[in-house]
Amino acid sequence: MERSQKENLVGELQGIFNSATAAVLIDYRGLAANELVEMRQELHKVHSTMKVLKNTLAKLAVEETPFSGIHPVEQAKVLVKIAEKNPNLKIHAGVLVDSSKTSVLDDAQVEALSKLPAKEELLVKLLFLLQAPATQLVRTLNEVPAKFVRTLAAVRDSKE
């Protein structure tokens, strides 16, 4: 590959890294072609892509690129699931970018990230947590007249 082609590729990769929230570095040696195609399809379902890069070009492209983007948990879930099926696939590291900082994750942290619930599931849990105190308050307030009615019924039954 000529230098000008490498420079164009690095520029294209910088564009990709600038629009990404997360990246996972894997070693795919030993995987069959159909397994790689399956991995690409699974990543595509969660709006992610897979690029095969030379390490030196990837290092050049990552320089001066603050990540920003979508789906880090879903990417990690897909890749960890595929790595469990294919022992030849090794997850080496991940990169997670927040608005204020960038974190490099080791393979164990990428696996932990994959075990987090999806955003929608977290929102549902949050709504249940917010709803619980209000429900408990209504039950408590309702208990006072209910107890009074039960007491009156007991008095009535005892007089009969």
Protein backbone atom coordinates (compact mmCIF):
# COMPACT_ATOMS: atom_id res chain seq x y z
CA MET A 1 0.00 0.00 0.00
CA GLU A 2 1.43 3.38 -0.99
CA ARG A 3 1.86 6.23 1.46
CA SER A 4 -0.95 8.32 -0.08
CA GLN A 5 -3.36 5.38 0.25
CA LYS A 6 -2.32 4.93 3.88
CA GLU A 7 -2.89 8.64 4.57
CA ASN A 8 -6.36 8.45 3.00
CA LEU A 9 -7.17 5.36 5.07
CA VAL A 10 -5.98 7.03 8.28
CA GLY A 11 -8.18 10.05 7.49
CA GLU A 12 -11.18 7.77 6.91
CA LEU A 13 -10.47 5.92 10.15
CA GLN A 14 -10.21 9.18 12.09
CA GLY A 15 -13.69 10.03 10.85
CA ILE A 16 -14.94 6.67 12.10
CA PHE A 17 -13.23 7.09 15.48
CA ASN A 18 -14.59 10.63 15.84
CA SER A 19 -18.15 9.34 15.52
CA ALA A 20 -17.76 6.32 17.83
CA THR A 21 -18.56 5.98 21.55
CA ALA A 22 -16.80 2.72 22.03
CA ALA A 23 -14.28 0.46 20.38
CA VAL A 24 -13.26 -3.10 21.11
CA LEU A 25 -9.94 -4.52 19.97
CA ILE A 26 -10.00 -8.20 19.08
CA ASP A 27 -7.70 -10.77 17.57
CA TYR A 28 -9.63 -12.76 15.00
CA ARG A 29 -6.87 -15.15 13.93
CA GLY A 30 -8.16 -18.69 13.67
CA LEU A 31 -11.75 -17.73 12.86
CA ALA A 32 -13.27 -19.05 9.66
CA ALA A 33 -14.54 -16.62 7.03
CA ASN A 34 -18.18 -17.52 7.72
CA GLU A 35 -17.65 -16.79 11.44
CA LEU A 36 -16.30 -13.33 10.57
CA VAL A 37 -19.30 -12.71 8.31
CA GLU A 38 -21.63 -13.78 11.13
CA MET A 39 -19.83 -11.41 13.53
CA ARG A 40 -20.21 -8.51 11.10
CA GLN A 41 -23.93 -9.28 10.72
CA GLU A 42 -24.47 -9.41 14.49
CA LEU A 43 -22.64 -6.09 14.93
CA HIS A 44 -24.64 -4.54 12.11
CA LYS A 45 -27.86 -5.42 13.98
CA VAL A 46 -26.73 -3.17 16.87
CA HIS A 47 -25.62 -0.36 14.52
CA SER A 48 -21.92 -1.16 14.86
CA THR A 49 -19.23 -2.00 12.38
CA MET A 50 -16.11 -4.09 12.26
CA LYS A 51 -12.92 -3.00 10.55
CA VAL A 52 -9.79 -5.06 10.01
CA LEU A 53 -6.84 -2.72 10.50
CA LYS A 54 -3.12 -2.84 10.66
CA ASN A 55 -2.04 -1.96 14.19
CA THR A 56 0.21 0.89 13.06
CA LEU A 57 -2.54 2.52 10.96
CA ALA A 58 -5.04 2.12 13.81
CA LYS A 59 -2.66 3.80 16.26
CA LEU A 60 -2.17 6.71 13.86
CA ALA A 61 -5.90 7.07 13.26
CA VAL A 62 -6.78 7.08 16.98
CA GLU A 63 -4.53 10.03 17.75
CA GLU A 64 -6.43 13.27 18.38
CA THR A 65 -9.88 11.66 18.11
CA PRO A 66 -12.23 12.16 21.04
CA PHE A 67 -14.87 9.44 20.72
CA SER A 68 -18.56 10.28 20.69
CA GLY A 69 -21.43 8.00 19.58
CA ILE A 70 -23.92 5.22 20.45
CA HIS A 71 -24.22 1.53 21.68
CA PRO A 72 -21.13 0.52 23.75
CA VAL A 73 -23.02 -2.06 25.83
CA GLU A 74 -24.62 -3.72 22.81
CA GLN A 75 -21.27 -3.90 20.98
CA ALA A 76 -19.68 -5.56 23.98
CA LYS A 77 -22.60 -8.00 24.33
CA VAL A 78 -22.32 -9.11 20.71
CA LEU A 79 -18.54 -9.53 20.79
CA VAL A 80 -18.46 -11.35 24.14
CA LYS A 81 -21.22 -13.71 22.97
CA ILE A 82 -19.29 -14.48 19.78
CA ALA A 83 -16.05 -14.89 21.74
CA GLU A 84 -17.76 -17.46 23.97
CA LYS A 85 -18.76 -19.47 20.88
CA ASN A 86 -15.35 -19.12 19.20
CA PRO A 87 -12.35 -19.75 21.45
CA ASN A 88 -10.05 -18.39 18.72
CA LEU A 89 -11.56 -14.91 19.10
CA LYS A 90 -9.70 -13.01 21.83
CA ILE A 91 -10.88 -9.67 23.21
CA HIS A 92 -7.79 -7.66 24.11
CA ALA A 93 -9.14 -4.28 25.14
CA GLY A 94 -11.95 -1.80 24.76
CA VAL A 95 -12.25 1.96 24.72
CA LEU A 96 -15.19 3.75 26.28
CA VAL A 97 -15.64 7.47 25.81
CA ASP A 98 -17.69 9.72 28.04
CA SER A 99 -18.24 13.42 27.38
CA SER A 100 -15.50 14.23 29.89
CA LYS A 101 -13.03 11.33 29.70
CA THR A 102 -11.85 8.30 27.78
CA SER A 103 -11.40 4.96 29.54
CA VAL A 104 -9.37 2.03 28.29
CA LEU A 105 -10.97 -1.24 29.36
CA ASP A 106 -9.19 -4.56 29.72
CA ASP A 107 -10.84 -7.79 28.57
CA ALA A 108 -12.50 -8.41 31.96
CA GLN A 109 -13.99 -4.92 31.95
CA VAL A 110 -15.32 -5.41 28.41
CA GLU A 111 -17.00 -8.61 29.62
CA ALA A 112 -18.44 -6.74 32.64
CA LEU A 113 -19.73 -4.04 30.27
CA SER A 114 -21.46 -6.74 28.23
CA LYS A 115 -23.34 -7.92 31.33
CA LEU A 116 -24.93 -4.52 31.96
CA PRO A 117 -28.63 -4.24 31.14
CA ALA A 118 -29.69 -2.39 28.00
CA LYS A 119 -30.61 1.30 28.25
CA GLU A 120 -34.33 0.57 27.94
CA GLU A 121 -34.17 -1.99 30.75
CA LEU A 122 -32.39 0.50 33.01
CA LEU A 123 -35.06 3.12 32.30
CA VAL A 124 -37.81 0.65 33.24
CA LYS A 125 -36.02 -0.18 36.51
CA LEU A 126 -35.64 3.52 37.26
CA LEU A 127 -39.36 4.10 36.69
CA PHE A 128 -40.24 1.26 39.09
CA LEU A 129 -37.90 2.73 41.70
CA LEU A 130 -39.48 6.17 41.30
CA GLN A 131 -42.99 4.72 41.44
CA ALA A 132 -42.40 2.57 44.55
CA PRO A 133 -42.43 5.41 47.16
CA ALA A 134 -45.65 6.87 45.75
CA THR A 135 -47.33 3.45 45.77
CA GLN A 136 -46.23 2.83 49.36
CA LEU A 137 -47.54 6.27 50.42
CA VAL A 138 -50.94 5.56 48.87
CA ARG A 139 -51.11 2.18 50.63
CA THR A 140 -50.18 3.78 53.96
CA LEU A 141 -52.76 6.56 53.59
CA ASN A 142 -55.40 4.03 52.56
CA GLU A 143 -54.67 1.82 55.58
CA VAL A 144 -56.02 4.33 58.14
CA PRO A 145 -59.66 4.37 56.88
CA ALA A 146 -59.47 0.64 56.03
CA LYS A 147 -58.42 -0.16 59.60
CA PHE A 148 -61.23 2.04 60.91
CA VAL A 149 -63.77 0.19 58.73
CA ARG A 150 -62.44 -3.21 59.92
CA THR A 151 -62.71 -2.03 63.55
CA LEU A 152 -66.32 -0.90 63.03
CA ALA A 153 -67.13 -4.24 61.38
CA ALA A 154 -65.59 -6.10 64.34
CA VAL A 155 -67.63 -4.01 66.80
CA ARG A 156 -70.80 -4.66 64.78
CA ASP A 157 -70.08 -8.41 64.67
CA SER A 158 -69.44 -8.53 68.41
CA LYS A 159 -72.80 -6.84 69.18
CA GLU A 160 -74.73 -9.32 67.06
